[in-house]
PDB file of all heavy atoms in Angstrom:
ATOM      1  N   ALA A   1      68.194 118.148 143.161  1.00  0.00           N
ATOM      2  CA  ALA A   1      69.294 118.744 143.942  1.00  0.00           C
ATOM      3  C   ALA A   1      70.165 119.607 143.040  1.00  0.00           C
ATOM      4  O   ALA A   1      70.594 120.701 143.428  1.00  0.00           O
ATOM      5  CB  ALA A   1      70.126 117.650 144.603  1.00  0.00           C
ATOM      6  N   GLY A   2      70.415 119.150 141.828  1.00  0.00           N
ATOM      7  CA  GLY A   2      71.183 119.932 140.865  1.00  0.00           C
ATOM      8  C   GLY A   2      70.430 121.178 140.432  1.00  0.00           C
ATOM      9  O   GLY A   2      71.018 122.248 140.273  1.00  0.00           O
ATOM     10  N   LEU A   3      69.118 121.042 140.248  1.00  0.00           N
ATOM     11  CA  LEU A   3      68.291 122.193 139.871  1.00  0.00           C
ATOM     12  C   LEU A   3      68.320 123.260 140.956  1.00  0.00           C
ATOM     13  O   LEU A   3      68.379 124.452 140.661  1.00  0.00           O
ATOM     14  CB  LEU A   3      66.844 121.746 139.607  1.00  0.00           C
ATOM     15  CG  LEU A   3      66.629 120.872 138.371  1.00  0.00           C
ATOM     16  CD1 LEU A   3      65.183 120.376 138.326  1.00  0.00           C
ATOM     17  CD2 LEU A   3      66.981 121.606 137.093  1.00  0.00           C
ATOM     18  N   ARG A   4      68.325 122.838 142.212  1.00  0.00           N
ATOM     19  CA  ARG A   4      68.378 123.778 143.329  1.00  0.00           C
ATOM     20  C   ARG A   4      69.674 124.583 143.289  1.00  0.00           C
ATOM     21  O   ARG A   4      69.676 125.801 143.502  1.00  0.00           O
ATOM     22  CB  ARG A   4      68.255 123.022 144.656  1.00  0.00           C
ATOM     23  CG  ARG A   4      68.223 123.941 145.877  1.00  0.00           C
ATOM     24  CD  ARG A   4      68.225 123.157 147.171  1.00  0.00           C
ATOM     25  NE  ARG A   4      69.349 122.243 147.297  1.00  0.00           N
ATOM     26  CZ  ARG A   4      70.597 122.601 147.590  1.00  0.00           C
ATOM     27  NH1 ARG A   4      70.909 123.862 147.777  1.00  0.00           N
ATOM     28  NH2 ARG A   4      71.555 121.697 147.684  1.00  0.00           N
ATOM     29  N   VAL A   5      70.789 123.929 142.991  1.00  0.00           N
ATOM     30  CA  VAL A   5      72.076 124.621 142.897  1.00  0.00           C
ATOM     31  C   VAL A   5      72.051 125.628 141.743  1.00  0.00           C
ATOM     32  O   VAL A   5      72.536 126.756 141.880  1.00  0.00           O
ATOM     33  CB  VAL A   5      73.240 123.612 142.718  1.00  0.00           C
ATOM     34  CG1 VAL A   5      74.553 124.328 142.461  1.00  0.00           C
ATOM     35  CG2 VAL A   5      73.358 122.713 143.947  1.00  0.00           C
ATOM     36  N   LEU A   6      71.454 125.237 140.608  1.00  0.00           N
ATOM     37  CA  LEU A   6      71.343 126.154 139.471  1.00  0.00           C
ATOM     38  C   LEU A   6      70.493 127.371 139.820  1.00  0.00           C
ATOM     39  O   LEU A   6      70.836 128.496 139.456  1.00  0.00           O
ATOM     40  CB  LEU A   6      70.713 125.452 138.268  1.00  0.00           C
ATOM     41  CG  LEU A   6      71.602 124.554 137.431  1.00  0.00           C
ATOM     42  CD1 LEU A   6      70.824 124.053 136.218  1.00  0.00           C
ATOM     43  CD2 LEU A   6      72.842 125.270 136.983  1.00  0.00           C
ATOM     44  N   LEU A   7      69.392 127.146 140.512  1.00  0.00           N
ATOM     45  CA  LEU A   7      68.510 128.242 140.902  1.00  0.00           C
ATOM     46  C   LEU A   7      69.241 129.209 141.833  1.00  0.00           C
ATOM     47  O   LEU A   7      69.148 130.424 141.681  1.00  0.00           O
ATOM     48  CB  LEU A   7      67.249 127.700 141.569  1.00  0.00           C
ATOM     49  CG  LEU A   7      66.174 128.718 141.928  1.00  0.00           C
ATOM     50  CD1 LEU A   7      65.693 129.455 140.693  1.00  0.00           C
ATOM     51  CD2 LEU A   7      65.004 128.023 142.612  1.00  0.00           C
ATOM     52  N   SER A   8      69.991 128.668 142.757  1.00  0.00           N
ATOM     53  CA  SER A   8      70.765 129.487 143.683  1.00  0.00           C
ATOM     54  C   SER A   8      71.800 130.325 142.929  1.00  0.00           C
ATOM     55  O   SER A   8      71.955 131.527 143.183  1.00  0.00           O
ATOM     56  CB  SER A   8      71.440 128.580 144.708  1.00  0.00           C
ATOM     57  OG  SER A   8      72.270 129.301 145.554  1.00  0.00           O
ATOM     58  N   ALA A   9      72.498 129.704 141.977  1.00  0.00           N
ATOM     59  CA  ALA A   9      73.497 130.422 141.175  1.00  0.00           C
ATOM     60  C   ALA A   9      72.829 131.513 140.341  1.00  0.00           C
ATOM     61  O   ALA A   9      73.356 132.621 140.220  1.00  0.00           O
ATOM     62  CB  ALA A   9      74.253 129.451 140.275  1.00  0.00           C
ATOM     63  N   GLN A  10      71.650 131.203 139.788  1.00  0.00           N
ATOM     64  CA  GLN A  10      70.934 132.190 138.974  1.00  0.00           C
ATOM     65  C   GLN A  10      70.544 133.407 139.819  1.00  0.00           C
ATOM     66  O   GLN A  10      70.668 134.542 139.375  1.00  0.00           O
ATOM     67  CB  GLN A  10      69.679 131.556 138.355  1.00  0.00           C
ATOM     68  CG  GLN A  10      68.895 132.490 137.454  1.00  0.00           C
ATOM     69  CD  GLN A  10      69.653 132.868 136.197  1.00  0.00           C
ATOM     70  OE1 GLN A  10      69.918 132.026 135.364  1.00  0.00           O
ATOM     71  NE2 GLN A  10      69.995 134.136 136.054  1.00  0.00           N
ATOM     72  N   LYS A  11      70.110 133.176 141.054  1.00  0.00           N
ATOM     73  CA  LYS A  11      69.738 134.286 141.941  1.00  0.00           C
ATOM     74  C   LYS A  11      70.941 135.175 142.234  1.00  0.00           C
ATOM     75  O   LYS A  11      70.835 136.400 142.222  1.00  0.00           O
ATOM     76  CB  LYS A  11      69.136 133.758 143.243  1.00  0.00           C
ATOM     77  CG  LYS A  11      67.739 133.225 143.073  1.00  0.00           C
ATOM     78  CD  LYS A  11      67.194 132.723 144.399  1.00  0.00           C
ATOM     79  CE  LYS A  11      65.777 132.214 144.250  1.00  0.00           C
ATOM     80  NZ  LYS A  11      65.241 131.699 145.509  1.00  0.00           N
ATOM     81  N   ILE A  12      72.084 134.570 142.496  1.00  0.00           N
ATOM     82  CA  ILE A  12      73.308 135.337 142.759  1.00  0.00           C
ATOM     83  C   ILE A  12      73.691 136.146 141.522  1.00  0.00           C
ATOM     84  O   ILE A  12      73.988 137.333 141.605  1.00  0.00           O
ATOM     85  CB  ILE A  12      74.467 134.405 143.180  1.00  0.00           C
ATOM     86  CG1 ILE A  12      74.169 133.792 144.555  1.00  0.00           C
ATOM     87  CG2 ILE A  12      75.800 135.152 143.187  1.00  0.00           C
ATOM     88  CD1 ILE A  12      75.074 132.636 144.922  1.00  0.00           C
ATOM     89  N   MET A  13      73.664 135.504 140.353  1.00  0.00           N
ATOM     90  CA  MET A  13      74.084 136.176 139.127  1.00  0.00           C
ATOM     91  C   MET A  13      73.084 137.242 138.681  1.00  0.00           C
ATOM     92  O   MET A  13      73.481 138.198 138.021  1.00  0.00           O
ATOM     93  CB  MET A  13      74.335 135.152 138.011  1.00  0.00           C
ATOM     94  CG  MET A  13      75.546 134.260 138.267  1.00  0.00           C
ATOM     95  SD  MET A  13      77.058 135.141 138.771  1.00  0.00           S
ATOM     96  CE  MET A  13      77.346 136.182 137.341  1.00  0.00           C
ATOM     97  N   ASN A  14      71.825 137.116 139.061  1.00  0.00           N
ATOM     98  CA  ASN A  14      70.853 138.179 138.756  1.00  0.00           C
ATOM     99  C   ASN A  14      71.254 139.482 139.436  1.00  0.00           C
ATOM    100  O   ASN A  14      70.988 140.553 138.918  1.00  0.00           O
ATOM    101  CB  ASN A  14      69.440 137.780 139.204  1.00  0.00           C
ATOM    102  CG  ASN A  14      68.789 136.801 138.258  1.00  0.00           C
ATOM    103  OD1 ASN A  14      69.227 136.600 137.130  1.00  0.00           O
ATOM    104  ND2 ASN A  14      67.723 136.162 138.722  1.00  0.00           N
ATOM    105  N   ARG A  15      71.907 139.370 140.595  1.00  0.00           N
ATOM    106  CA  ARG A  15      72.345 140.556 141.346  1.00  0.00           C
ATOM    107  C   ARG A  15      73.656 141.130 140.825  1.00  0.00           C
ATOM    108  O   ARG A  15      73.886 142.332 140.925  1.00  0.00           O
ATOM    109  CB  ARG A  15      72.495 140.213 142.831  1.00  0.00           C
ATOM    110  CG  ARG A  15      71.176 139.972 143.547  1.00  0.00           C
ATOM    111  CD  ARG A  15      71.357 139.909 145.047  1.00  0.00           C
ATOM    112  NE  ARG A  15      72.204 138.816 145.482  1.00  0.00           N
ATOM    113  CZ  ARG A  15      71.776 137.604 145.812  1.00  0.00           C
ATOM    114  NH1 ARG A  15      70.497 137.316 145.747  1.00  0.00           N
ATOM    115  NH2 ARG A  15      72.619 136.677 146.213  1.00  0.00           N
ATOM    116  N   GLN A  16      74.534 140.277 140.296  1.00  0.00           N
ATOM    117  CA  GLN A  16      75.865 140.778 139.963  1.00  0.00           C
ATOM    118  C   GLN A  16      76.246 140.647 138.483  1.00  0.00           C
ATOM    119  O   GLN A  16      77.351 141.031 138.119  1.00  0.00           O
ATOM    120  CB  GLN A  16      76.926 140.108 140.849  1.00  0.00           C
ATOM    121  CG  GLN A  16      77.091 138.615 140.642  1.00  0.00           C
ATOM    122  CD  GLN A  16      77.998 137.990 141.702  1.00  0.00           C
ATOM    123  OE1 GLN A  16      77.823 138.225 142.897  1.00  0.00           O
ATOM    124  NE2 GLN A  16      78.975 137.223 141.259  1.00  0.00           N
ATOM    125  N   GLY A  17      75.349 140.147 137.655  1.00  0.00           N
ATOM    126  CA  GLY A  17      75.691 140.001 136.238  1.00  0.00           C
ATOM    127  C   GLY A  17      74.714 139.107 135.510  1.00  0.00           C
ATOM    128  O   GLY A  17      73.510 139.247 135.667  1.00  0.00           O
ATOM    129  N   SER A  18      75.256 138.162 134.748  1.00  0.00           N
ATOM    130  CA  SER A  18      74.405 137.271 133.963  1.00  0.00           C
ATOM    131  C   SER A  18      74.909 135.837 134.040  1.00  0.00           C
ATOM    132  O   SER A  18      76.079 135.593 134.321  1.00  0.00           O
ATOM    133  CB  SER A  18      74.375 137.720 132.502  1.00  0.00           C
ATOM    134  OG  SER A  18      75.657 137.566 131.916  1.00  0.00           O
ATOM    135  N   MET A  19      73.988 134.914 133.784  1.00  0.00           N
ATOM    136  CA  MET A  19      74.330 133.492 133.772  1.00  0.00           C
ATOM    137  C   MET A  19      73.712 132.877 132.531  1.00  0.00           C
ATOM    138  O   MET A  19      72.566 133.164 132.187  1.00  0.00           O
ATOM    139  CB  MET A  19      73.769 132.804 135.020  1.00  0.00           C
ATOM    140  CG  MET A  19      74.014 131.308 135.055  1.00  0.00           C
ATOM    141  SD  MET A  19      73.503 130.614 136.635  1.00  0.00           S
ATOM    142  CE  MET A  19      72.555 129.213 136.078  1.00  0.00           C
ATOM    143  N   LYS A  20      74.501 132.029 131.857  1.00  0.00           N
ATOM    144  CA  LYS A  20      74.045 131.364 130.644  1.00  0.00           C
ATOM    145  C   LYS A  20      74.403 129.887 130.749  1.00  0.00           C
ATOM    146  O   LYS A  20      75.481 129.539 131.227  1.00  0.00           O
ATOM    147  CB  LYS A  20      74.720 132.031 129.447  1.00  0.00           C
ATOM    148  CG  LYS A  20      74.459 131.388 128.113  1.00  0.00           C
ATOM    149  CD  LYS A  20      74.984 132.231 126.948  1.00  0.00           C
ATOM    150  CE  LYS A  20      76.451 132.480 127.002  1.00  0.00           C
ATOM    151  NZ  LYS A  20      76.985 133.163 125.814  1.00  0.00           N
ATOM    152  N   VAL A  21      73.492 129.025 130.292  1.00  0.00           N
ATOM    153  CA  VAL A  21      73.725 127.586 130.264  1.00  0.00           C
ATOM    154  C   VAL A  21      73.866 127.183 128.800  1.00  0.00           C
ATOM    155  O   VAL A  21      73.004 127.510 127.977  1.00  0.00           O
ATOM    156  CB  VAL A  21      72.565 126.820 130.935  1.00  0.00           C
ATOM    157  CG1 VAL A  21      72.819 125.322 130.895  1.00  0.00           C
ATOM    158  CG2 VAL A  21      72.374 127.287 132.377  1.00  0.00           C
ATOM    159  N   THR A  22      74.949 126.486 128.469  1.00  0.00           N
ATOM    160  CA  THR A  22      75.192 126.088 127.075  1.00  0.00           C
ATOM    161  C   THR A  22      75.332 124.575 126.958  1.00  0.00           C
ATOM    162  O   THR A  22      75.549 123.880 127.948  1.00  0.00           O
ATOM    163  CB  THR A  22      76.477 126.743 126.528  1.00  0.00           C
ATOM    164  OG1 THR A  22      77.602 126.251 127.276  1.00  0.00           O
ATOM    165  CG2 THR A  22      76.423 128.254 126.619  1.00  0.00           C
ATOM    166  N   GLY A  23      75.204 124.079 125.728  1.00  0.00           N
ATOM    167  CA  GLY A  23      75.458 122.669 125.434  1.00  0.00           C
ATOM    168  C   GLY A  23      74.477 121.702 126.065  1.00  0.00           C
ATOM    169  O   GLY A  23      74.837 120.564 126.355  1.00  0.00           O
ATOM    170  N   VAL A  24      73.232 122.122 126.247  1.00  0.00           N
ATOM    171  CA  VAL A  24      72.242 121.271 126.926  1.00  0.00           C
ATOM    172  C   VAL A  24      71.737 120.191 125.969  1.00  0.00           C
ATOM    173  O   VAL A  24      71.263 120.501 124.877  1.00  0.00           O
ATOM    174  CB  VAL A  24      71.058 122.129 127.444  1.00  0.00           C
ATOM    175  CG1 VAL A  24      70.008 121.255 128.103  1.00  0.00           C
ATOM    176  CG2 VAL A  24      71.557 123.199 128.400  1.00  0.00           C
ATOM    177  N   ASN A  25      71.843 118.932 126.391  1.00  0.00           N
ATOM    178  CA  ASN A  25      71.356 117.835 125.546  1.00  0.00           C
ATOM    179  C   ASN A  25      69.842 117.645 125.725  1.00  0.00           C
ATOM    180  O   ASN A  25      69.216 118.302 126.545  1.00  0.00           O
ATOM    181  CB  ASN A  25      72.120 116.538 125.843  1.00  0.00           C
ATOM    182  CG  ASN A  25      71.877 116.004 127.240  1.00  0.00           C
ATOM    183  OD1 ASN A  25      70.797 116.148 127.807  1.00  0.00           O
ATOM    184  ND2 ASN A  25      72.889 115.373 127.806  1.00  0.00           N
ATOM    185  N   GLU A  26      69.261 116.736 124.948  1.00  0.00           N
ATOM    186  CA  GLU A  26      67.808 116.531 124.958  1.00  0.00           C
ATOM    187  C   GLU A  26      67.282 116.075 126.312  1.00  0.00           C
ATOM    188  O   GLU A  26      66.216 116.519 126.745  1.00  0.00           O
ATOM    189  CB  GLU A  26      67.415 115.496 123.895  1.00  0.00           C
ATOM    190  CG  GLU A  26      67.539 116.006 122.477  1.00  0.00           C
ATOM    191  CD  GLU A  26      67.169 114.946 121.457  1.00  0.00           C
ATOM    192  OE1 GLU A  26      66.469 113.977 121.814  1.00  0.00           O
ATOM    193  OE2 GLU A  26      67.588 115.088 120.292  1.00  0.00           O
ATOM    194  N   ILE A  27      68.007 115.201 126.985  1.00  0.00           N
ATOM    195  CA  ILE A  27      67.557 114.664 128.275  1.00  0.00           C
ATOM    196  C   ILE A  27      67.477 115.776 129.320  1.00  0.00           C
ATOM    197  O   ILE A  27      66.477 115.940 130.010  1.00  0.00           O
ATOM    198  CB  ILE A  27      68.493 113.529 128.753  1.00  0.00           C
ATOM    199  CG1 ILE A  27      68.422 112.344 127.786  1.00  0.00           C
ATOM    200  CG2 ILE A  27      68.162 113.096 130.172  1.00  0.00           C
ATOM    201  CD1 ILE A  27      69.537 111.339 127.944  1.00  0.00           C
ATOM    202  N   VAL A  28      68.540 116.562 129.423  1.00  0.00           N
ATOM    203  CA  VAL A  28      68.580 117.652 130.397  1.00  0.00           C
ATOM    204  C   VAL A  28      67.572 118.742 130.011  1.00  0.00           C
ATOM    205  O   VAL A  28      66.883 119.287 130.875  1.00  0.00           O
ATOM    206  CB  VAL A  28      70.013 118.214 130.535  1.00  0.00           C
ATOM    207  CG1 VAL A  28      70.045 119.438 131.430  1.00  0.00           C
ATOM    208  CG2 VAL A  28      70.952 117.133 131.088  1.00  0.00           C
ATOM    209  N   MET A  29      67.443 119.027 128.713  1.00  0.00           N
ATOM    210  CA  MET A  29      66.482 120.037 128.268  1.00  0.00           C
ATOM    211  C   MET A  29      65.052 119.624 128.621  1.00  0.00           C
ATOM    212  O   MET A  29      64.246 120.456 129.033  1.00  0.00           O
ATOM    213  CB  MET A  29      66.600 120.273 126.757  1.00  0.00           C
ATOM    214  CG  MET A  29      65.660 121.352 126.252  1.00  0.00           C
ATOM    215  SD  MET A  29      65.851 122.953 127.084  1.00  0.00           S
ATOM    216  CE  MET A  29      67.063 123.701 126.039  1.00  0.00           C
ATOM    217  N   GLU A  30      64.756 118.351 128.492  1.00  0.00           N
ATOM    218  CA  GLU A  30      63.420 117.868 128.856  1.00  0.00           C
ATOM    219  C   GLU A  30      63.152 118.092 130.346  1.00  0.00           C
ATOM    220  O   GLU A  30      62.062 118.514 130.732  1.00  0.00           O
ATOM    221  CB  GLU A  30      63.273 116.388 128.511  1.00  0.00           C
ATOM    222  CG  GLU A  30      61.873 115.871 128.741  1.00  0.00           C
ATOM    223  CD  GLU A  30      61.681 114.437 128.281  1.00  0.00           C
ATOM    224  OE1 GLU A  30      62.404 113.982 127.374  1.00  0.00           O
ATOM    225  OE2 GLU A  30      60.804 113.766 128.853  1.00  0.00           O
ATOM    226  N   ILE A  31      64.159 117.867 131.180  1.00  0.00           N
ATOM    227  CA  ILE A  31      64.023 118.111 132.617  1.00  0.00           C
ATOM    228  C   ILE A  31      63.795 119.605 132.864  1.00  0.00           C
ATOM    229  O   ILE A  31      62.935 119.986 133.650  1.00  0.00           O
ATOM    230  CB  ILE A  31      65.262 117.587 133.380  1.00  0.00           C
ATOM    231  CG1 ILE A  31      65.322 116.060 133.292  1.00  0.00           C
ATOM    232  CG2 ILE A  31      65.241 118.050 134.837  1.00  0.00           C
ATOM    233  CD1 ILE A  31      66.620 115.437 133.738  1.00  0.00           C
ATOM    234  N   PHE A  32      64.557 120.458 132.157  1.00  0.00           N
ATOM    235  CA  PHE A  32      64.369 121.906 132.291  1.00  0.00           C
ATOM    236  C   PHE A  32      62.956 122.319 131.881  1.00  0.00           C
ATOM    237  O   PHE A  32      62.336 123.168 132.524  1.00  0.00           O
ATOM    238  CB  PHE A  32      65.389 122.672 131.440  1.00  0.00           C
ATOM    239  CG  PHE A  32      66.792 122.698 131.985  1.00  0.00           C
ATOM    240  CD1 PHE A  32      67.845 123.074 131.179  1.00  0.00           C
ATOM    241  CD2 PHE A  32      67.072 122.360 133.306  1.00  0.00           C
ATOM    242  CE1 PHE A  32      69.148 123.129 131.663  1.00  0.00           C
ATOM    243  CE2 PHE A  32      68.356 122.402 133.807  1.00  0.00           C
ATOM    244  CZ  PHE A  32      69.401 122.782 132.985  1.00  0.00           C
ATOM    245  N   GLU A  33      62.437 121.742 130.811  1.00  0.00           N
ATOM    246  CA  GLU A  33      61.110 122.104 130.323  1.00  0.00           C
ATOM    247  C   GLU A  33      60.011 121.639 131.272  1.00  0.00           C
ATOM    248  O   GLU A  33      59.080 122.384 131.573  1.00  0.00           O
ATOM    249  CB  GLU A  33      60.891 121.544 128.917  1.00  0.00           C
ATOM    250  CG  GLU A  33      61.713 122.298 127.875  1.00  0.00           C
ATOM    251  CD  GLU A  33      61.701 121.655 126.501  1.00  0.00           C
ATOM    252  OE1 GLU A  33      61.140 120.546 126.346  1.00  0.00           O
ATOM    253  OE2 GLU A  33      62.269 122.266 125.575  1.00  0.00           O
ATOM    254  N   VAL A  34      60.109 120.402 131.761  1.00  0.00           N
ATOM    255  CA  VAL A  34      59.090 119.851 132.667  1.00  0.00           C
ATOM    256  C   VAL A  34      59.040 120.626 133.978  1.00  0.00           C
ATOM    257  O   VAL A  34      57.964 120.851 134.534  1.00  0.00           O
ATOM    258  CB  VAL A  34      59.357 118.339 132.922  1.00  0.00           C
ATOM    259  CG1 VAL A  34      58.526 117.816 134.063  1.00  0.00           C
ATOM    260  CG2 VAL A  34      59.103 117.544 131.655  1.00  0.00           C
ATOM    261  N   THR A  35      60.202 121.065 134.455  1.00  0.00           N
ATOM    262  CA  THR A  35      60.266 121.764 135.739  1.00  0.00           C
ATOM    263  C   THR A  35      60.064 123.276 135.619  1.00  0.00           C
ATOM    264  O   THR A  35      59.961 123.967 136.632  1.00  0.00           O
ATOM    265  CB  THR A  35      61.623 121.521 136.429  1.00  0.00           C
ATOM    266  OG1 THR A  35      62.665 121.985 135.556  1.00  0.00           O
ATOM    267  CG2 THR A  35      61.830 120.046 136.748  1.00  0.00           C
ATOM    268  N   GLY A  36      60.022 123.790 134.400  1.00  0.00           N
ATOM    269  CA  GLY A  36      59.875 125.222 134.196  1.00  0.00           C
ATOM    270  C   GLY A  36      61.205 125.971 134.224  1.00  0.00           C
ATOM    271  O   GLY A  36      61.226 127.204 134.094  1.00  0.00           O
ATOM    272  N   PHE A  37      62.301 125.267 134.382  1.00  0.00           N
ATOM    273  CA  PHE A  37      63.613 125.920 134.424  1.00  0.00           C
ATOM    274  C   PHE A  37      63.982 126.506 133.059  1.00  0.00           C
ATOM    275  O   PHE A  37      64.801 127.424 132.989  1.00  0.00           O
ATOM    276  CB  PHE A  37      64.697 124.938 134.893  1.00  0.00           C
ATOM    277  CG  PHE A  37      64.875 124.940 136.379  1.00  0.00           C
ATOM    278  CD1 PHE A  37      63.881 124.446 137.211  1.00  0.00           C
ATOM    279  CD2 PHE A  37      66.020 125.448 136.961  1.00  0.00           C
ATOM    280  CE1 PHE A  37      64.041 124.448 138.579  1.00  0.00           C
ATOM    281  CE2 PHE A  37      66.189 125.459 138.329  1.00  0.00           C
ATOM    282  CZ  PHE A  37      65.186 124.963 139.153  1.00  0.00           C
ATOM    283  N   SER A  38      63.381 126.017 131.986  1.00  0.00           N
ATOM    284  CA  SER A  38      63.676 126.584 130.669  1.00  0.00           C
ATOM    285  C   SER A  38      63.191 128.029 130.580  1.00  0.00           C
ATOM    286  O   SER A  38      63.675 128.806 129.761  1.00  0.00           O
ATOM    287  CB  SER A  38      63.044 125.733 129.558  1.00  0.00           C
ATOM    288  OG  SER A  38      61.662 125.605 129.771  1.00  0.00           O
ATOM    289  N   ASP A  39      62.240 128.408 131.438  1.00  0.00           N
ATOM    290  CA  ASP A  39      61.765 129.791 131.490  1.00  0.00           C
ATOM    291  C   ASP A  39      62.607 130.659 132.427  1.00  0.00           C
ATOM    292  O   ASP A  39      62.612 131.878 132.297  1.00  0.00           O
ATOM    293  CB  ASP A  39      60.307 129.842 131.962  1.00  0.00           C
ATOM    294  CG  ASP A  39      59.369 129.129 131.007  1.00  0.00           C
ATOM    295  OD1 ASP A  39      59.650 129.111 129.791  1.00  0.00           O
ATOM    296  OD2 ASP A  39      58.351 128.587 131.478  1.00  0.00           O
ATOM    297  N   ILE A  40      63.299 130.038 133.364  1.00  0.00           N
ATOM    298  CA  ILE A  40      64.088 130.768 134.365  1.00  0.00           C
ATOM    299  C   ILE A  40      65.516 131.013 133.865  1.00  0.00           C
ATOM    300  O   ILE A  40      66.070 132.091 134.052  1.00  0.00           O
ATOM    301  CB  ILE A  40      64.143 129.972 135.685  1.00  0.00           C
ATOM    302  CG1 ILE A  40      62.742 129.813 136.275  1.00  0.00           C
ATOM    303  CG2 ILE A  40      65.080 130.634 136.692  1.00  0.00           C
ATOM    304  CD1 ILE A  40      62.672 128.827 137.429  1.00  0.00           C
ATOM    305  N   LEU A  41      66.097 130.008 133.222  1.00  0.00           N
ATOM    306  CA  LEU A  41      67.500 130.057 132.809  1.00  0.00           C
ATOM    307  C   LEU A  41      67.640 130.616 131.397  1.00  0.00           C
ATOM    308  O   LEU A  41      66.739 130.472 130.569  1.00  0.00           O
ATOM    309  CB  LEU A  41      68.101 128.656 132.833  1.00  0.00           C
ATOM    310  CG  LEU A  41      68.080 127.903 134.166  1.00  0.00           C
ATOM    311  CD1 LEU A  41      68.565 126.477 133.969  1.00  0.00           C
ATOM    312  CD2 LEU A  41      68.925 128.628 135.206  1.00  0.00           C
TER     313      LEU A  41
END
């Protein structure tokens, strides 16, 4: 559910600017990598 919100925000920001995610810990980074979000964000 959180990933869906991030994807939605990324789509909006692709149209009007840029989006950056900072301070990602190992647990969250692993989730990003497994889901492919590390390639999107």
